[in-house]
Protein backbone atom coordinates (compact mmCIF):
# COMPACT_ATOMS: atom_id res chain seq x y z
CA UNK A 1 0.00 0.00 0.00
CA UNK A 2 1.15 3.50 -0.78
CA UNK A 3 -0.50 5.54 1.93
CA UNK A 4 0.51 6.20 5.49
CA UNK A 5 -1.50 6.74 8.67
CA UNK A 6 0.02 9.77 10.37
CA UNK A 7 -1.46 11.21 13.56
CA UNK A 8 -4.98 10.10 12.79
CA UNK A 9 -4.89 11.16 9.13
CA UNK A 10 -4.02 9.32 5.95
CA UNK A 11 -1.54 10.82 3.50
CA UNK A 12 -0.71 10.01 -0.11
CA UNK A 13 2.65 9.40 -1.72
CA UNK A 14 3.64 12.21 -4.08
CA UNK A 15 3.48 9.81 -7.07
CA UNK A 16 -0.02 8.55 -6.23
CA UNK A 17 -3.15 9.89 -7.90
CA UNK A 18 -6.48 10.30 -6.14
CA UNK A 19 -8.06 7.14 -7.59
CA UNK A 20 -5.15 4.95 -6.47
CA UNK A 21 -5.31 6.49 -3.03
CA UNK A 22 -9.06 5.88 -2.70
CA UNK A 23 -8.66 2.27 -3.88
CA UNK A 24 -5.88 1.63 -1.37
CA UNK A 25 -7.89 3.28 1.38
CA UNK A 26 -10.92 1.14 0.53
CA UNK A 27 -8.78 -2.03 0.61
CA UNK A 28 -7.27 -0.97 3.91
CA UNK A 29 -10.61 -0.30 5.56
CA UNK A 30 -11.86 -3.79 4.67
CA UNK A 31 -8.62 -5.50 5.67
CA UNK A 32 -8.77 -7.58 8.90
CA UNK A 33 -7.38 -5.61 11.83
CA UNK A 34 -4.56 -8.08 12.52
CA UNK A 35 -3.31 -7.65 8.94
CA UNK A 36 -3.37 -3.87 9.14
CA UNK A 37 -0.44 -3.87 11.56
CA UNK A 38 1.18 -0.45 11.74
CA UNK A 39 -1.35 0.96 9.32
CA UNK A 40 -4.23 0.62 11.78
CA UNK A 41 -6.60 3.51 11.19
CA UNK A 42 -8.86 4.48 14.07
CA UNK A 43 -12.22 5.96 13.14
CA UNK A 44 -14.45 7.76 15.60
CA UNK A 45 -18.12 7.53 14.78
CA UNK A 46 -20.22 9.33 17.34
CA UNK A 47 -23.84 8.63 18.21
CA UNK A 48 -26.29 9.99 20.75
CA UNK A 49 -24.98 12.25 23.49
CA UNK A 50 -21.38 12.14 22.24
CA UNK A 51 -22.52 13.37 18.82
CA UNK A 52 -24.55 16.16 20.43
CA UNK A 53 -21.57 17.18 22.57
CA UNK A 54 -19.40 17.30 19.46
CA UNK A 55 -21.95 19.48 17.62
CA UNK A 56 -22.13 21.91 20.53
CA UNK A 57 -18.35 22.04 20.89
CA UNK A 58 -17.93 22.73 17.15
CA UNK A 59 -20.57 25.46 17.28
CA UNK A 60 -18.90 27.07 20.32
CA UNK A 61 -15.43 27.34 18.74
CA UNK A 62 -16.11 30.32 16.41
CA UNK A 63 -17.40 32.37 19.33
CA UNK A 64 -14.42 31.60 21.55
CA UNK A 65 -12.02 32.22 18.65
CA UNK A 66 -13.57 35.60 17.89
CA UNK A 67 -13.16 36.54 21.55
CA UNK A 68 -9.47 35.64 21.49
CA UNK A 69 -9.94 32.68 23.84
CA UNK A 70 -7.55 30.08 22.44
CA UNK A 71 -7.03 26.38 23.22
CA UNK A 72 -3.85 27.30 25.09
CA UNK A 73 -5.93 29.04 27.78
CA UNK A 74 -7.23 26.87 30.60
CA UNK A 75 -10.64 28.53 30.43
CA UNK A 76 -11.16 27.52 26.79
CA UNK A 77 -11.95 23.87 27.47
CA UNK A 78 -13.89 24.70 30.62
CA UNK A 79 -16.11 27.27 28.88
CA UNK A 80 -16.76 24.84 26.04
CA UNK A 81 -17.72 22.11 28.55
CA UNK A 82 -19.91 24.59 30.43
CA UNK A 83 -21.91 25.31 27.28
CA UNK A 84 -22.32 21.57 26.64
CA UNK A 85 -23.63 20.95 30.15
CA UNK A 86 -25.79 24.05 30.00
CA UNK A 87 -27.51 22.97 26.80
CA UNK A 88 -27.67 19.17 27.20
CA UNK A 89 -28.27 18.71 30.91
CA UNK A 90 -30.53 21.66 31.56
CA UNK A 91 -28.15 22.94 34.20
CA UNK A 92 -29.19 26.46 33.23
CA UNK A 93 -32.19 25.95 35.51
CA UNK A 94 -29.94 25.37 38.52
CA UNK A 95 -27.44 27.64 40.20
CA UNK A 96 -24.24 28.70 38.42
CA UNK A 97 -22.34 27.04 41.24
CA UNK A 98 -23.74 23.67 40.16
CA UNK A 99 -22.46 24.07 36.60
CA UNK A 100 -18.91 24.99 37.59
CA UNK A 101 -18.88 22.44 40.41
CA UNK A 102 -19.84 19.69 37.97
CA UNK A 103 -16.92 20.67 35.73
CA UNK A 104 -14.55 20.78 38.70
CA UNK A 105 -15.55 17.25 39.72
CA UNK A 106 -15.13 15.99 36.13
CA UNK A 107 -11.66 17.51 35.92
CA UNK A 108 -10.65 16.41 39.41
CA UNK A 109 -9.84 19.95 40.54
CA UNK A 110 -11.28 22.57 42.84
CA UNK A 111 -14.18 24.89 42.17
CA UNK A 112 -11.90 27.88 42.74
CA UNK A 113 -9.53 26.67 40.00
CA UNK A 114 -12.36 26.32 37.50
CA UNK A 115 -13.74 29.76 38.40
CA UNK A 116 -10.30 31.35 38.08
CA UNK A 117 -9.68 29.80 34.65
CA UNK A 118 -13.05 30.97 33.33
CA UNK A 119 -12.70 34.42 34.86
CA UNK A 120 -9.23 34.81 33.36
CA UNK A 121 -10.53 33.94 29.89
CA UNK A 122 -13.48 36.33 30.20
CA UNK A 123 -11.24 39.08 31.61
CA UNK A 124 -8.74 38.61 28.75
CA UNK A 125 -11.48 38.87 26.11
CA UNK A 126 -12.88 41.97 27.82
CA UNK A 127 -9.53 43.72 28.30
CA UNK A 128 -8.48 43.07 24.70
CA UNK A 129 -11.70 44.71 23.49
CA UNK A 130 -13.20 41.61 21.91
CA UNK A 131 -16.54 42.11 23.70
CA UNK A 132 -17.18 45.78 22.95
CA UNK A 133 -20.79 46.82 22.55
CA UNK A 134 -20.18 48.14 19.03
CA UNK A 135 -18.79 44.83 17.78
CA UNK A 136 -21.01 43.35 15.08
CA UNK A 137 -21.04 40.13 13.17
CA UNK A 138 -22.53 36.65 13.25
CA UNK A 139 -20.16 35.40 15.97
CA UNK A 140 -20.00 38.56 18.09
CA UNK A 141 -20.88 38.50 21.77
CA UNK A 142 -21.22 42.13 22.89
CA UNK A 143 -21.52 43.40 26.48
CA UNK A 144 -21.77 46.94 27.84
CA UNK A 145 -19.75 46.06 30.94
CA UNK A 146 -17.47 43.17 31.82
CA UNK A 147 -19.69 40.12 32.34
CA UNK A 148 -19.43 37.67 35.17
CA UNK A 149 -18.55 34.11 34.25
CA UNK A 150 -22.21 33.13 34.64
CA UNK A 151 -23.44 35.95 32.39
CA UNK A 152 -20.83 35.03 29.80
CA UNK A 153 -21.81 31.34 29.81
CA UNK A 154 -25.52 32.29 29.58
CA UNK A 155 -24.91 34.52 26.54
CA UNK A 156 -22.52 32.06 24.88
CA UNK A 157 -24.96 29.17 25.34
CA UNK A 158 -27.83 31.27 23.96
CA UNK A 159 -25.75 32.14 20.89
CA UNK A 160 -24.80 28.50 20.33
CA UNK A 161 -28.42 27.37 20.81
CA UNK A 162 -29.62 29.89 18.22
CA UNK A 163 -26.89 28.75 15.81
CA UNK A 164 -27.53 24.99 15.99
CA UNK A 165 -31.26 25.17 16.61
CA UNK A 166 -32.95 21.80 16.96
CA UNK A 167 -29.95 19.71 15.84
CA UNK A 168 -29.37 18.46 19.38
CA UNK A 169 -31.64 16.20 21.40
CA UNK A 170 -32.16 16.65 25.10
C-alpha atoms as a PDB file:
ATOM      1  CA  UNK A   1       0.000   0.000   0.000  1.00  0.00           C
ATOM      2  CA  UNK A   2       1.150   3.495  -0.777  1.00  0.00           C
ATOM      3  CA  UNK A   3      -0.497   5.545   1.928  1.00  0.00           C
ATOM      4  CA  UNK A   4       0.512   6.202   5.495  1.00  0.00           C
ATOM      5  CA  UNK A   5      -1.499   6.742   8.671  1.00  0.00           C
ATOM      6  CA  UNK A   6       0.016   9.770  10.368  1.00  0.00           C
ATOM      7  CA  UNK A   7      -1.464  11.210  13.562  1.00  0.00           C
ATOM      8  CA  UNK A   8      -4.981  10.104  12.786  1.00  0.00           C
ATOM      9  CA  UNK A   9      -4.894  11.156   9.129  1.00  0.00           C
ATOM     10  CA  UNK A  10      -4.019   9.321   5.951  1.00  0.00           C
ATOM     11  CA  UNK A  11      -1.544  10.825   3.501  1.00  0.00           C
ATOM     12  CA  UNK A  12      -0.706  10.009  -0.106  1.00  0.00           C
ATOM     13  CA  UNK A  13       2.650   9.398  -1.720  1.00  0.00           C
ATOM     14  CA  UNK A  14       3.638  12.211  -4.080  1.00  0.00           C
ATOM     15  CA  UNK A  15       3.483   9.812  -7.067  1.00  0.00           C
ATOM     16  CA  UNK A  16      -0.019   8.552  -6.230  1.00  0.00           C
ATOM     17  CA  UNK A  17      -3.150   9.888  -7.896  1.00  0.00           C
ATOM     18  CA  UNK A  18      -6.478  10.302  -6.135  1.00  0.00           C
ATOM     19  CA  UNK A  19      -8.060   7.142  -7.589  1.00  0.00           C
ATOM     20  CA  UNK A  20      -5.153   4.951  -6.468  1.00  0.00           C
ATOM     21  CA  UNK A  21      -5.307   6.488  -3.034  1.00  0.00           C
ATOM     22  CA  UNK A  22      -9.058   5.876  -2.702  1.00  0.00           C
ATOM     23  CA  UNK A  23      -8.659   2.269  -3.876  1.00  0.00           C
ATOM     24  CA  UNK A  24      -5.876   1.631  -1.368  1.00  0.00           C
ATOM     25  CA  UNK A  25      -7.887   3.275   1.384  1.00  0.00           C
ATOM     26  CA  UNK A  26     -10.921   1.136   0.527  1.00  0.00           C
ATOM     27  CA  UNK A  27      -8.776  -2.026   0.607  1.00  0.00           C
ATOM     28  CA  UNK A  28      -7.271  -0.969   3.913  1.00  0.00           C
ATOM     29  CA  UNK A  29     -10.612  -0.302   5.561  1.00  0.00           C
ATOM     30  CA  UNK A  30     -11.865  -3.790   4.672  1.00  0.00           C
ATOM     31  CA  UNK A  31      -8.620  -5.500   5.674  1.00  0.00           C
ATOM     32  CA  UNK A  32      -8.765  -7.576   8.897  1.00  0.00           C
ATOM     33  CA  UNK A  33      -7.381  -5.610  11.827  1.00  0.00           C
ATOM     34  CA  UNK A  34      -4.562  -8.081  12.522  1.00  0.00           C
ATOM     35  CA  UNK A  35      -3.307  -7.651   8.943  1.00  0.00           C
ATOM     36  CA  UNK A  36      -3.372  -3.871   9.140  1.00  0.00           C
ATOM     37  CA  UNK A  37      -0.444  -3.872  11.564  1.00  0.00           C
ATOM     38  CA  UNK A  38       1.185  -0.454  11.744  1.00  0.00           C
ATOM     39  CA  UNK A  39      -1.351   0.957   9.319  1.00  0.00           C
ATOM     40  CA  UNK A  40      -4.232   0.621  11.779  1.00  0.00           C
ATOM     41  CA  UNK A  41      -6.596   3.510  11.190  1.00  0.00           C
ATOM     42  CA  UNK A  42      -8.861   4.484  14.066  1.00  0.00           C
ATOM     43  CA  UNK A  43     -12.217   5.965  13.139  1.00  0.00           C
ATOM     44  CA  UNK A  44     -14.449   7.757  15.603  1.00  0.00           C
ATOM     45  CA  UNK A  45     -18.119   7.530  14.779  1.00  0.00           C
ATOM     46  CA  UNK A  46     -20.215   9.333  17.335  1.00  0.00           C
ATOM     47  CA  UNK A  47     -23.836   8.628  18.212  1.00  0.00           C
ATOM     48  CA  UNK A  48     -26.295   9.990  20.751  1.00  0.00           C
ATOM     49  CA  UNK A  49     -24.976  12.250  23.493  1.00  0.00           C
ATOM     50  CA  UNK A  50     -21.381  12.142  22.239  1.00  0.00           C
ATOM     51  CA  UNK A  51     -22.518  13.372  18.822  1.00  0.00           C
ATOM     52  CA  UNK A  52     -24.545  16.164  20.427  1.00  0.00           C
ATOM     53  CA  UNK A  53     -21.574  17.177  22.568  1.00  0.00           C
ATOM     54  CA  UNK A  54     -19.400  17.295  19.457  1.00  0.00           C
ATOM     55  CA  UNK A  55     -21.948  19.482  17.621  1.00  0.00           C
ATOM     56  CA  UNK A  56     -22.132  21.913  20.528  1.00  0.00           C
ATOM     57  CA  UNK A  57     -18.349  22.042  20.886  1.00  0.00           C
ATOM     58  CA  UNK A  58     -17.928  22.731  17.152  1.00  0.00           C
ATOM     59  CA  UNK A  59     -20.567  25.459  17.281  1.00  0.00           C
ATOM     60  CA  UNK A  60     -18.896  27.068  20.317  1.00  0.00           C
ATOM     61  CA  UNK A  61     -15.432  27.335  18.737  1.00  0.00           C
ATOM     62  CA  UNK A  62     -16.114  30.316  16.412  1.00  0.00           C
ATOM     63  CA  UNK A  63     -17.401  32.372  19.331  1.00  0.00           C
ATOM     64  CA  UNK A  64     -14.417  31.598  21.545  1.00  0.00           C
ATOM     65  CA  UNK A  65     -12.024  32.219  18.645  1.00  0.00           C
ATOM     66  CA  UNK A  66     -13.568  35.596  17.886  1.00  0.00           C
ATOM     67  CA  UNK A  67     -13.161  36.538  21.553  1.00  0.00           C
ATOM     68  CA  UNK A  68      -9.471  35.644  21.492  1.00  0.00           C
ATOM     69  CA  UNK A  69      -9.936  32.684  23.842  1.00  0.00           C
ATOM     70  CA  UNK A  70      -7.551  30.078  22.445  1.00  0.00           C
ATOM     71  CA  UNK A  71      -7.035  26.378  23.217  1.00  0.00           C
ATOM     72  CA  UNK A  72      -3.849  27.300  25.091  1.00  0.00           C
ATOM     73  CA  UNK A  73      -5.934  29.042  27.776  1.00  0.00           C
ATOM     74  CA  UNK A  74      -7.233  26.867  30.597  1.00  0.00           C
ATOM     75  CA  UNK A  75     -10.636  28.531  30.425  1.00  0.00           C
ATOM     76  CA  UNK A  76     -11.158  27.521  26.791  1.00  0.00           C
ATOM     77  CA  UNK A  77     -11.948  23.868  27.467  1.00  0.00           C
ATOM     78  CA  UNK A  78     -13.894  24.695  30.622  1.00  0.00           C
ATOM     79  CA  UNK A  79     -16.106  27.267  28.881  1.00  0.00           C
ATOM     80  CA  UNK A  80     -16.760  24.836  26.041  1.00  0.00           C
ATOM     81  CA  UNK A  81     -17.719  22.106  28.548  1.00  0.00           C
ATOM     82  CA  UNK A  82     -19.910  24.587  30.426  1.00  0.00           C
ATOM     83  CA  UNK A  83     -21.910  25.314  27.285  1.00  0.00           C
ATOM     84  CA  UNK A  84     -22.321  21.575  26.636  1.00  0.00           C
ATOM     85  CA  UNK A  85     -23.632  20.946  30.154  1.00  0.00           C
ATOM     86  CA  UNK A  86     -25.786  24.055  30.000  1.00  0.00           C
ATOM     87  CA  UNK A  87     -27.511  22.965  26.798  1.00  0.00           C
ATOM     88  CA  UNK A  88     -27.675  19.172  27.198  1.00  0.00           C
ATOM     89  CA  UNK A  89     -28.275  18.710  30.907  1.00  0.00           C
ATOM     90  CA  UNK A  90     -30.531  21.658  31.556  1.00  0.00           C
ATOM     91  CA  UNK A  91     -28.146  22.938  34.204  1.00  0.00           C
ATOM     92  CA  UNK A  92     -29.189  26.465  33.232  1.00  0.00           C
ATOM     93  CA  UNK A  93     -32.191  25.947  35.506  1.00  0.00           C
ATOM     94  CA  UNK A  94     -29.938  25.369  38.516  1.00  0.00           C
ATOM     95  CA  UNK A  95     -27.436  27.645  40.205  1.00  0.00           C
ATOM     96  CA  UNK A  96     -24.238  28.699  38.423  1.00  0.00           C
ATOM     97  CA  UNK A  97     -22.340  27.042  41.239  1.00  0.00           C
ATOM     98  CA  UNK A  98     -23.738  23.667  40.163  1.00  0.00           C
ATOM     99  CA  UNK A  99     -22.462  24.074  36.605  1.00  0.00           C
ATOM    100  CA  UNK A 100     -18.915  24.993  37.593  1.00  0.00           C
ATOM    101  CA  UNK A 101     -18.875  22.436  40.408  1.00  0.00           C
ATOM    102  CA  UNK A 102     -19.839  19.687  37.965  1.00  0.00           C
ATOM    103  CA  UNK A 103     -16.920  20.667  35.725  1.00  0.00           C
ATOM    104  CA  UNK A 104     -14.552  20.782  38.699  1.00  0.00           C
ATOM    105  CA  UNK A 105     -15.552  17.254  39.724  1.00  0.00           C
ATOM    106  CA  UNK A 106     -15.132  15.987  36.127  1.00  0.00           C
ATOM    107  CA  UNK A 107     -11.658  17.513  35.919  1.00  0.00           C
ATOM    108  CA  UNK A 108     -10.647  16.414  39.410  1.00  0.00           C
ATOM    109  CA  UNK A 109      -9.836  19.947  40.539  1.00  0.00           C
ATOM    110  CA  UNK A 110     -11.277  22.573  42.836  1.00  0.00           C
ATOM    111  CA  UNK A 111     -14.184  24.893  42.166  1.00  0.00           C
ATOM    112  CA  UNK A 112     -11.902  27.883  42.736  1.00  0.00           C
ATOM    113  CA  UNK A 113      -9.528  26.668  40.000  1.00  0.00           C
ATOM    114  CA  UNK A 114     -12.362  26.321  37.504  1.00  0.00           C
ATOM    115  CA  UNK A 115     -13.744  29.756  38.400  1.00  0.00           C
ATOM    116  CA  UNK A 116     -10.295  31.351  38.076  1.00  0.00           C
ATOM    117  CA  UNK A 117      -9.683  29.800  34.654  1.00  0.00           C
ATOM    118  CA  UNK A 118     -13.050  30.968  33.330  1.00  0.00           C
ATOM    119  CA  UNK A 119     -12.703  34.416  34.862  1.00  0.00           C
ATOM    120  CA  UNK A 120      -9.225  34.811  33.364  1.00  0.00           C
ATOM    121  CA  UNK A 121     -10.528  33.941  29.889  1.00  0.00           C
ATOM    122  CA  UNK A 122     -13.476  36.330  30.195  1.00  0.00           C
ATOM    123  CA  UNK A 123     -11.245  39.082  31.611  1.00  0.00           C
ATOM    124  CA  UNK A 124      -8.739  38.612  28.754  1.00  0.00           C
ATOM    125  CA  UNK A 125     -11.477  38.872  26.108  1.00  0.00           C
ATOM    126  CA  UNK A 126     -12.880  41.965  27.816  1.00  0.00           C
ATOM    127  CA  UNK A 127      -9.529  43.721  28.296  1.00  0.00           C
ATOM    128  CA  UNK A 128      -8.476  43.067  24.697  1.00  0.00           C
ATOM    129  CA  UNK A 129     -11.701  44.712  23.487  1.00  0.00           C
ATOM    130  CA  UNK A 130     -13.204  41.611  21.911  1.00  0.00           C
ATOM    131  CA  UNK A 131     -16.537  42.113  23.697  1.00  0.00           C
ATOM    132  CA  UNK A 132     -17.178  45.784  22.945  1.00  0.00           C
ATOM    133  CA  UNK A 133     -20.790  46.817  22.548  1.00  0.00           C
ATOM    134  CA  UNK A 134     -20.182  48.145  19.029  1.00  0.00           C
ATOM    135  CA  UNK A 135     -18.789  44.827  17.782  1.00  0.00           C
ATOM    136  CA  UNK A 136     -21.014  43.353  15.085  1.00  0.00           C
ATOM    137  CA  UNK A 137     -21.041  40.125  13.165  1.00  0.00           C
ATOM    138  CA  UNK A 138     -22.528  36.646  13.254  1.00  0.00           C
ATOM    139  CA  UNK A 139     -20.157  35.404  15.970  1.00  0.00           C
ATOM    140  CA  UNK A 140     -20.002  38.560  18.086  1.00  0.00           C
ATOM    141  CA  UNK A 141     -20.877  38.501  21.773  1.00  0.00           C
ATOM    142  CA  UNK A 142     -21.217  42.126  22.895  1.00  0.00           C
ATOM    143  CA  UNK A 143     -21.524  43.399  26.476  1.00  0.00           C
ATOM    144  CA  UNK A 144     -21.771  46.938  27.837  1.00  0.00           C
ATOM    145  CA  UNK A 145     -19.746  46.064  30.943  1.00  0.00           C
ATOM    146  CA  UNK A 146     -17.470  43.174  31.816  1.00  0.00           C
ATOM    147  CA  UNK A 147     -19.692  40.117  32.337  1.00  0.00           C
ATOM    148  CA  UNK A 148     -19.430  37.669  35.165  1.00  0.00           C
ATOM    149  CA  UNK A 149     -18.553  34.106  34.254  1.00  0.00           C
ATOM    150  CA  UNK A 150     -22.215  33.130  34.640  1.00  0.00           C
ATOM    151  CA  UNK A 151     -23.438  35.950  32.389  1.00  0.00           C
ATOM    152  CA  UNK A 152     -20.835  35.034  29.798  1.00  0.00           C
ATOM    153  CA  UNK A 153     -21.813  31.340  29.807  1.00  0.00           C
ATOM    154  CA  UNK A 154     -25.516  32.287  29.576  1.00  0.00           C
ATOM    155  CA  UNK A 155     -24.908  34.519  26.537  1.00  0.00           C
ATOM    156  CA  UNK A 156     -22.523  32.058  24.879  1.00  0.00           C
ATOM    157  CA  UNK A 157     -24.962  29.165  25.338  1.00  0.00           C
ATOM    158  CA  UNK A 158     -27.835  31.269  23.955  1.00  0.00           C
ATOM    159  CA  UNK A 159     -25.751  32.140  20.891  1.00  0.00           C
ATOM    160  CA  UNK A 160     -24.800  28.496  20.334  1.00  0.00           C
ATOM    161  CA  UNK A 161     -28.415  27.371  20.812  1.00  0.00           C
ATOM    162  CA  UNK A 162     -29.616  29.890  18.216  1.00  0.00           C
ATOM    163  CA  UNK A 163     -26.889  28.754  15.812  1.00  0.00           C
ATOM    164  CA  UNK A 164     -27.527  24.994  15.986  1.00  0.00           C
ATOM    165  CA  UNK A 165     -31.261  25.170  16.613  1.00  0.00           C
ATOM    166  CA  UNK A 166     -32.954  21.799  16.958  1.00  0.00           C
ATOM    167  CA  UNK A 167     -29.950  19.706  15.845  1.00  0.00           C
ATOM    168  CA  UNK A 168     -29.370  18.458  19.384  1.00  0.00           C
ATOM    169  CA  UNK A 169     -31.636  16.201  21.400  1.00  0.00           C
ATOM    170  CA  UNK A 170     -32.158  16.649  25.100  1.00  0.00           C
END
